[in-house]
Amino acid sequence: MTANLNPYLNFRGTARDALAFYQSVFGGEQRVSSFRDYGMPVAEGEEDLLMHGQLQGPNAPLLMVSDVPSHMPYTPGENTFSVSLSGDDETLLSRWWTALSEGADIAQPLEKAPWGDSFGMLTDRFGVSWLINIAGSPTA
């Protein structure tokens, strides 16, 4: 028996673009379903927005996304969530940091932290806050 923590990110009309970007960073395979695919009622022009999308792969974190239709409230996740990537694979985590940094607002550069790991924080170009911690890493 297993349990997984799956970050689920909501967007307003940009979920496909965000999922494609995250796939370019992490690799993996996209699986997507639109509101049209499931016959879900949405406003005219929103039928092809993502009702559910996910990114998965053997070496990629599982990430889920959706578009919030206009009839539902949506407040961008400013300071309300973060996605944490951690581990001891310095090469992989550093590569992800570099890719996520493209067009991002860097709150804390990826560098040696007081607790001995390398740590960085950024908000990517889609407004998603990311934390990266590389266990026992020298300096990124």
N, C-alpha and C. Protein backbone atom coordinates (compact mmCIF):
# COMPACT_ATOMS: atom_id res chain seq x y z
N MET A 1 0.84 -1.18 0.00
CA MET A 1 0.00 0.00 0.00
C MET A 1 0.89 1.24 0.00
N THR A 2 0.51 2.25 -0.80
CA THR A 2 1.28 3.48 -0.87
C THR A 2 0.37 4.69 -0.74
N ALA A 3 0.97 5.79 -0.44
CA ALA A 3 0.28 7.07 -0.43
C ALA A 3 1.19 8.07 -1.14
N ASN A 4 0.61 8.94 -1.95
CA ASN A 4 1.39 9.92 -2.70
C ASN A 4 0.92 11.33 -2.40
N LEU A 5 1.85 12.22 -2.40
CA LEU A 5 1.54 13.64 -2.33
C LEU A 5 1.60 14.17 -3.75
N ASN A 6 0.48 14.66 -4.27
CA ASN A 6 0.41 15.13 -5.65
C ASN A 6 0.06 16.61 -5.68
N PRO A 7 1.00 17.45 -6.00
CA PRO A 7 0.65 18.86 -6.15
C PRO A 7 -0.37 19.03 -7.27
N TYR A 8 -1.41 19.81 -6.99
CA TYR A 8 -2.45 20.08 -7.98
C TYR A 8 -2.53 21.58 -8.15
N LEU A 9 -2.19 22.03 -9.34
CA LEU A 9 -2.08 23.45 -9.61
C LEU A 9 -3.24 23.92 -10.46
N ASN A 10 -3.87 25.02 -10.06
CA ASN A 10 -5.00 25.58 -10.79
C ASN A 10 -4.59 26.84 -11.53
N PHE A 11 -5.14 27.00 -12.73
CA PHE A 11 -4.84 28.15 -13.57
C PHE A 11 -6.14 28.65 -14.18
N ARG A 12 -6.09 29.81 -14.77
CA ARG A 12 -7.25 30.36 -15.47
C ARG A 12 -6.86 30.49 -16.93
N GLY A 13 -7.07 29.40 -17.69
CA GLY A 13 -6.85 29.44 -19.13
C GLY A 13 -5.43 29.15 -19.59
N THR A 14 -4.49 28.86 -18.67
CA THR A 14 -3.10 28.61 -19.07
C THR A 14 -2.59 27.25 -18.62
N ALA A 15 -3.47 26.35 -18.23
CA ALA A 15 -3.03 25.04 -17.72
C ALA A 15 -2.26 24.25 -18.77
N ARG A 16 -2.69 24.28 -20.03
CA ARG A 16 -1.96 23.55 -21.08
C ARG A 16 -0.53 24.08 -21.23
N ASP A 17 -0.40 25.41 -21.27
CA ASP A 17 0.93 26.01 -21.40
C ASP A 17 1.80 25.68 -20.19
N ALA A 18 1.20 25.75 -19.01
CA ALA A 18 1.95 25.44 -17.79
C ALA A 18 2.40 23.98 -17.80
N LEU A 19 1.51 23.06 -18.17
CA LEU A 19 1.85 21.65 -18.19
C LEU A 19 2.97 21.38 -19.21
N ALA A 20 2.91 22.03 -20.37
CA ALA A 20 3.96 21.86 -21.38
C ALA A 20 5.30 22.39 -20.84
N PHE A 21 5.26 23.50 -20.14
CA PHE A 21 6.48 24.04 -19.55
C PHE A 21 7.06 23.07 -18.52
N TYR A 22 6.23 22.58 -17.62
CA TYR A 22 6.71 21.66 -16.59
C TYR A 22 7.24 20.36 -17.22
N GLN A 23 6.62 19.93 -18.31
CA GLN A 23 7.14 18.75 -19.01
C GLN A 23 8.53 19.03 -19.57
N SER A 24 8.76 20.26 -20.07
CA SER A 24 10.08 20.61 -20.59
C SER A 24 11.13 20.62 -19.48
N VAL A 25 10.70 20.89 -18.26
CA VAL A 25 11.61 20.90 -17.12
C VAL A 25 11.86 19.49 -16.60
N PHE A 26 10.79 18.75 -16.32
CA PHE A 26 10.89 17.47 -15.63
C PHE A 26 10.87 16.24 -16.53
N GLY A 27 10.48 16.40 -17.78
CA GLY A 27 10.28 15.24 -18.63
C GLY A 27 8.94 14.61 -18.28
N GLY A 28 8.77 13.35 -18.66
CA GLY A 28 7.53 12.66 -18.36
C GLY A 28 6.53 12.75 -19.49
N GLU A 29 5.35 12.21 -19.22
CA GLU A 29 4.30 12.12 -20.23
C GLU A 29 3.08 12.90 -19.76
N GLN A 30 2.50 13.69 -20.69
CA GLN A 30 1.28 14.42 -20.38
C GLN A 30 0.06 13.56 -20.66
N ARG A 31 -0.90 13.64 -19.77
CA ARG A 31 -2.22 13.06 -19.99
C ARG A 31 -3.21 14.17 -19.69
N VAL A 32 -4.03 14.50 -20.67
CA VAL A 32 -4.94 15.63 -20.51
C VAL A 32 -6.37 15.27 -20.89
N SER A 33 -7.30 15.94 -20.24
CA SER A 33 -8.73 15.82 -20.54
C SER A 33 -9.34 17.21 -20.47
N SER A 34 -10.10 17.54 -21.48
CA SER A 34 -10.76 18.85 -21.50
C SER A 34 -12.16 18.73 -20.90
N PHE A 35 -12.77 19.87 -20.65
CA PHE A 35 -14.15 19.87 -20.20
C PHE A 35 -15.04 19.24 -21.27
N ARG A 36 -14.71 19.47 -22.54
CA ARG A 36 -15.47 18.88 -23.65
C ARG A 36 -15.40 17.35 -23.60
N ASP A 37 -14.21 16.81 -23.30
CA ASP A 37 -14.04 15.36 -23.26
C ASP A 37 -15.02 14.68 -22.31
N TYR A 38 -15.38 15.37 -21.23
CA TYR A 38 -16.28 14.78 -20.24
C TYR A 38 -17.68 15.40 -20.26
N GLY A 39 -17.93 16.26 -21.25
CA GLY A 39 -19.25 16.87 -21.36
C GLY A 39 -19.62 17.76 -20.20
N MET A 40 -18.63 18.36 -19.58
CA MET A 40 -18.88 19.21 -18.42
C MET A 40 -19.37 20.59 -18.87
N PRO A 41 -20.38 21.13 -18.18
CA PRO A 41 -20.91 22.43 -18.57
C PRO A 41 -19.97 23.57 -18.17
N VAL A 42 -19.55 24.34 -19.16
CA VAL A 42 -18.71 25.52 -18.95
C VAL A 42 -19.19 26.59 -19.91
N ALA A 43 -18.70 27.79 -19.73
CA ALA A 43 -19.08 28.90 -20.61
C ALA A 43 -18.60 28.64 -22.03
N GLU A 44 -19.30 29.25 -22.98
CA GLU A 44 -18.91 29.11 -24.39
C GLU A 44 -17.45 29.56 -24.55
N GLY A 45 -16.68 28.76 -25.26
CA GLY A 45 -15.27 29.06 -25.47
C GLY A 45 -14.34 28.43 -24.45
N GLU A 46 -14.90 27.81 -23.41
CA GLU A 46 -14.07 27.18 -22.38
C GLU A 46 -14.06 25.65 -22.49
N GLU A 47 -14.73 25.10 -23.49
CA GLU A 47 -14.87 23.65 -23.62
C GLU A 47 -13.52 22.93 -23.74
N ASP A 48 -12.55 23.57 -24.36
CA ASP A 48 -11.25 22.91 -24.58
C ASP A 48 -10.21 23.23 -23.50
N LEU A 49 -10.62 23.96 -22.47
CA LEU A 49 -9.72 24.16 -21.34
C LEU A 49 -9.53 22.83 -20.63
N LEU A 50 -8.44 22.72 -19.88
CA LEU A 50 -8.14 21.46 -19.19
C LEU A 50 -9.01 21.29 -17.94
N MET A 51 -9.77 20.22 -17.94
CA MET A 51 -10.48 19.83 -16.73
C MET A 51 -9.49 19.11 -15.81
N HIS A 52 -8.61 18.32 -16.44
CA HIS A 52 -7.58 17.63 -15.67
C HIS A 52 -6.40 17.35 -16.59
N GLY A 53 -5.22 17.65 -16.11
CA GLY A 53 -4.00 17.28 -16.81
C GLY A 53 -3.02 16.75 -15.79
N GLN A 54 -2.19 15.81 -16.22
CA GLN A 54 -1.17 15.34 -15.30
C GLN A 54 0.09 15.01 -16.06
N LEU A 55 1.18 15.11 -15.34
CA LEU A 55 2.50 14.82 -15.86
C LEU A 55 3.07 13.71 -15.01
N GLN A 56 3.48 12.63 -15.66
CA GLN A 56 4.06 11.53 -14.89
C GLN A 56 5.12 10.83 -15.72
N GLY A 57 6.01 10.18 -15.03
CA GLY A 57 7.07 9.43 -15.68
C GLY A 57 7.91 8.74 -14.63
N PRO A 58 8.76 7.82 -15.06
CA PRO A 58 9.54 7.05 -14.10
C PRO A 58 10.51 7.90 -13.28
N ASN A 59 11.02 8.97 -13.83
CA ASN A 59 11.95 9.83 -13.11
C ASN A 59 11.42 11.25 -12.95
N ALA A 60 10.13 11.42 -13.13
CA ALA A 60 9.54 12.76 -13.03
C ALA A 60 8.53 12.78 -11.90
N PRO A 61 8.44 13.88 -11.20
CA PRO A 61 7.42 13.98 -10.15
C PRO A 61 6.04 14.02 -10.79
N LEU A 62 5.05 13.52 -10.10
CA LEU A 62 3.68 13.58 -10.56
C LEU A 62 3.15 14.97 -10.26
N LEU A 63 2.59 15.61 -11.26
CA LEU A 63 2.07 16.96 -11.13
C LEU A 63 0.73 17.00 -11.83
N MET A 64 -0.28 17.57 -11.20
CA MET A 64 -1.61 17.67 -11.79
C MET A 64 -1.99 19.13 -11.94
N VAL A 65 -2.72 19.43 -13.01
CA VAL A 65 -3.14 20.81 -13.29
C VAL A 65 -4.57 20.83 -13.79
N SER A 66 -5.22 21.97 -13.66
CA SER A 66 -6.53 22.18 -14.27
C SER A 66 -6.75 23.66 -14.48
N ASP A 67 -7.67 23.95 -15.39
CA ASP A 67 -8.14 25.32 -15.58
C ASP A 67 -9.40 25.49 -14.75
N VAL A 68 -9.51 26.61 -14.07
CA VAL A 68 -10.71 26.93 -13.31
C VAL A 68 -11.65 27.68 -14.25
N PRO A 69 -12.83 27.13 -14.54
CA PRO A 69 -13.74 27.81 -15.45
C PRO A 69 -14.25 29.13 -14.86
N SER A 70 -14.72 30.00 -15.74
CA SER A 70 -15.11 31.36 -15.32
C SER A 70 -16.27 31.38 -14.33
N HIS A 71 -17.09 30.34 -14.26
CA HIS A 71 -18.22 30.35 -13.32
C HIS A 71 -17.78 30.00 -11.89
N MET A 72 -16.50 29.66 -11.72
CA MET A 72 -15.99 29.32 -10.40
C MET A 72 -15.02 30.41 -9.94
N PRO A 73 -14.96 30.68 -8.62
CA PRO A 73 -14.02 31.70 -8.13
C PRO A 73 -12.58 31.24 -8.34
N TYR A 74 -11.73 32.19 -8.64
CA TYR A 74 -10.31 31.90 -8.85
C TYR A 74 -9.48 33.06 -8.33
N THR A 75 -8.61 32.76 -7.38
CA THR A 75 -7.66 33.74 -6.87
C THR A 75 -6.29 33.11 -7.03
N PRO A 76 -5.43 33.71 -7.86
CA PRO A 76 -4.10 33.11 -8.06
C PRO A 76 -3.44 32.82 -6.72
N GLY A 77 -2.63 31.77 -6.71
CA GLY A 77 -2.04 31.26 -5.49
C GLY A 77 -0.94 32.08 -4.86
N GLU A 78 -1.10 33.37 -4.84
CA GLU A 78 -0.08 34.22 -4.25
C GLU A 78 0.10 33.89 -2.78
N ASN A 79 1.23 33.32 -2.44
CA ASN A 79 1.58 32.95 -1.07
C ASN A 79 0.63 31.94 -0.43
N THR A 80 -0.11 31.20 -1.22
CA THR A 80 -1.03 30.22 -0.64
C THR A 80 -0.56 28.78 -0.81
N PHE A 81 0.44 28.54 -1.66
CA PHE A 81 0.98 27.20 -1.80
C PHE A 81 2.36 27.26 -2.41
N SER A 82 3.11 26.20 -2.20
CA SER A 82 4.41 26.02 -2.83
C SER A 82 4.54 24.56 -3.20
N VAL A 83 5.39 24.31 -4.14
CA VAL A 83 5.73 22.94 -4.49
C VAL A 83 7.17 22.73 -4.06
N SER A 84 7.40 21.70 -3.27
CA SER A 84 8.74 21.44 -2.75
C SER A 84 9.37 20.26 -3.48
N LEU A 85 10.56 20.48 -3.98
CA LEU A 85 11.36 19.42 -4.60
C LEU A 85 12.58 19.23 -3.73
N SER A 86 12.80 18.00 -3.28
CA SER A 86 13.93 17.77 -2.39
C SER A 86 14.52 16.40 -2.63
N GLY A 87 15.75 16.24 -2.21
CA GLY A 87 16.44 14.97 -2.34
C GLY A 87 17.93 15.18 -2.34
N ASP A 88 18.66 14.14 -2.74
CA ASP A 88 20.12 14.26 -2.73
C ASP A 88 20.73 14.15 -4.12
N ASP A 89 19.91 14.14 -5.17
CA ASP A 89 20.42 14.09 -6.55
C ASP A 89 20.72 15.52 -7.01
N GLU A 90 21.93 15.97 -6.70
CA GLU A 90 22.30 17.35 -6.97
C GLU A 90 22.21 17.70 -8.45
N THR A 91 22.61 16.79 -9.33
CA THR A 91 22.57 17.07 -10.76
C THR A 91 21.15 17.30 -11.24
N LEU A 92 20.25 16.40 -10.88
CA LEU A 92 18.85 16.51 -11.30
C LEU A 92 18.18 17.73 -10.70
N LEU A 93 18.31 17.92 -9.40
CA LEU A 93 17.64 19.05 -8.75
C LEU A 93 18.19 20.39 -9.23
N SER A 94 19.49 20.46 -9.48
CA SER A 94 20.09 21.69 -10.02
C SER A 94 19.57 21.97 -11.42
N ARG A 95 19.41 20.92 -12.23
CA ARG A 95 18.88 21.08 -13.58
C ARG A 95 17.46 21.60 -13.52
N TRP A 96 16.64 21.04 -12.62
CA TRP A 96 15.28 21.52 -12.47
C TRP A 96 15.25 22.98 -12.03
N TRP A 97 16.12 23.34 -11.09
CA TRP A 97 16.21 24.73 -10.63
C TRP A 97 16.49 25.65 -11.82
N THR A 98 17.47 25.30 -12.62
CA THR A 98 17.86 26.13 -13.76
C THR A 98 16.70 26.30 -14.73
N ALA A 99 16.01 25.21 -15.03
CA ALA A 99 14.89 25.28 -15.96
C ALA A 99 13.73 26.08 -15.39
N LEU A 100 13.38 25.87 -14.13
CA LEU A 100 12.30 26.62 -13.51
C LEU A 100 12.63 28.10 -13.39
N SER A 101 13.90 28.44 -13.32
CA SER A 101 14.35 29.82 -13.15
C SER A 101 14.07 30.69 -14.37
N GLU A 102 13.87 30.07 -15.52
CA GLU A 102 13.63 30.83 -16.74
C GLU A 102 12.38 31.69 -16.60
N GLY A 103 12.56 32.99 -16.60
CA GLY A 103 11.44 33.92 -16.47
C GLY A 103 10.88 34.01 -15.06
N ALA A 104 11.59 33.48 -14.08
CA ALA A 104 11.08 33.42 -12.70
C ALA A 104 11.54 34.62 -11.88
N ASP A 105 10.86 34.81 -10.75
CA ASP A 105 11.27 35.77 -9.73
C ASP A 105 11.97 34.96 -8.65
N ILE A 106 13.27 35.18 -8.49
CA ILE A 106 14.07 34.41 -7.54
C ILE A 106 13.98 35.07 -6.16
N ALA A 107 13.34 34.38 -5.22
CA ALA A 107 13.23 34.90 -3.86
C ALA A 107 14.48 34.58 -3.04
N GLN A 108 15.06 33.41 -3.27
CA GLN A 108 16.27 32.96 -2.58
C GLN A 108 17.09 32.16 -3.58
N PRO A 109 18.27 32.65 -3.96
CA PRO A 109 19.10 31.88 -4.89
C PRO A 109 19.43 30.50 -4.33
N LEU A 110 19.63 29.55 -5.22
CA LEU A 110 20.00 28.20 -4.81
C LEU A 110 21.45 28.24 -4.35
N GLU A 111 21.62 28.15 -3.04
CA GLU A 111 22.96 28.25 -2.45
C GLU A 111 22.99 27.52 -1.11
N LYS A 112 24.18 27.35 -0.58
CA LYS A 112 24.36 26.67 0.70
C LYS A 112 23.54 27.37 1.78
N ALA A 113 22.75 26.57 2.51
CA ALA A 113 21.89 27.10 3.57
C ALA A 113 22.52 26.84 4.93
N PRO A 114 22.08 27.54 5.96
CA PRO A 114 22.63 27.35 7.30
C PRO A 114 22.55 25.91 7.81
N TRP A 115 21.59 25.15 7.36
CA TRP A 115 21.44 23.77 7.83
C TRP A 115 22.31 22.78 7.04
N GLY A 116 23.12 23.28 6.10
CA GLY A 116 24.08 22.43 5.41
C GLY A 116 23.68 21.96 4.03
N ASP A 117 22.42 22.11 3.67
CA ASP A 117 21.96 21.73 2.34
C ASP A 117 22.03 22.95 1.42
N SER A 118 21.82 22.74 0.14
CA SER A 118 21.61 23.86 -0.78
C SER A 118 20.11 24.07 -0.89
N PHE A 119 19.68 25.32 -0.87
CA PHE A 119 18.26 25.65 -0.85
C PHE A 119 18.01 26.88 -1.68
N GLY A 120 16.89 26.88 -2.40
CA GLY A 120 16.48 28.05 -3.17
C GLY A 120 14.97 28.13 -3.25
N MET A 121 14.47 29.35 -3.45
CA MET A 121 13.03 29.59 -3.61
C MET A 121 12.82 30.51 -4.80
N LEU A 122 11.80 30.19 -5.60
CA LEU A 122 11.46 31.06 -6.73
C LEU A 122 9.99 30.97 -7.02
N THR A 123 9.49 31.97 -7.73
CA THR A 123 8.14 31.94 -8.26
C THR A 123 8.30 31.92 -9.77
N ASP A 124 7.81 30.84 -10.40
CA ASP A 124 8.04 30.67 -11.83
C ASP A 124 7.17 31.62 -12.65
N ARG A 125 7.34 31.59 -13.95
CA ARG A 125 6.64 32.53 -14.83
C ARG A 125 5.13 32.33 -14.86
N PHE A 126 4.63 31.25 -14.24
CA PHE A 126 3.19 31.03 -14.14
C PHE A 126 2.64 31.40 -12.77
N GLY A 127 3.50 31.96 -11.89
CA GLY A 127 3.07 32.37 -10.57
C GLY A 127 3.10 31.27 -9.53
N VAL A 128 3.74 30.14 -9.84
CA VAL A 128 3.82 29.02 -8.90
C VAL A 128 5.11 29.15 -8.08
N SER A 129 4.97 29.02 -6.78
CA SER A 129 6.11 29.12 -5.86
C SER A 129 6.75 27.74 -5.69
N TRP A 130 8.08 27.67 -5.88
CA TRP A 130 8.84 26.43 -5.77
C TRP A 130 9.92 26.56 -4.71
N LEU A 131 10.15 25.48 -3.96
CA LEU A 131 11.24 25.36 -3.01
C LEU A 131 12.08 24.19 -3.45
N ILE A 132 13.39 24.37 -3.49
CA ILE A 132 14.27 23.25 -3.84
C ILE A 132 15.31 23.12 -2.75
N ASN A 133 15.43 21.90 -2.22
CA ASN A 133 16.40 21.59 -1.18
C ASN A 133 17.21 20.38 -1.61
N ILE A 134 18.54 20.59 -1.71
CA ILE A 134 19.44 19.51 -2.09
C ILE A 134 20.21 19.09 -0.86
N ALA A 135 19.90 17.90 -0.35
CA ALA A 135 20.49 17.41 0.90
C ALA A 135 21.99 17.26 0.80
N GLY A 136 22.70 17.83 1.76
CA GLY A 136 24.14 17.68 1.86
C GLY A 136 24.92 18.23 0.70
N SER A 137 24.30 19.04 -0.12
CA SER A 137 24.95 19.58 -1.32
C SER A 137 25.95 20.67 -0.94
N PRO A 138 27.09 20.74 -1.65
CA PRO A 138 28.02 21.83 -1.40
C PRO A 138 27.35 23.16 -1.73
N THR A 139 27.73 23.83 -2.75
CA THR A 139 27.08 25.07 -3.18
C THR A 139 26.62 24.89 -4.60
N ALA A 140 25.37 25.26 -4.85
CA ALA A 140 24.82 25.08 -6.20
C ALA A 140 25.39 26.09 -7.16
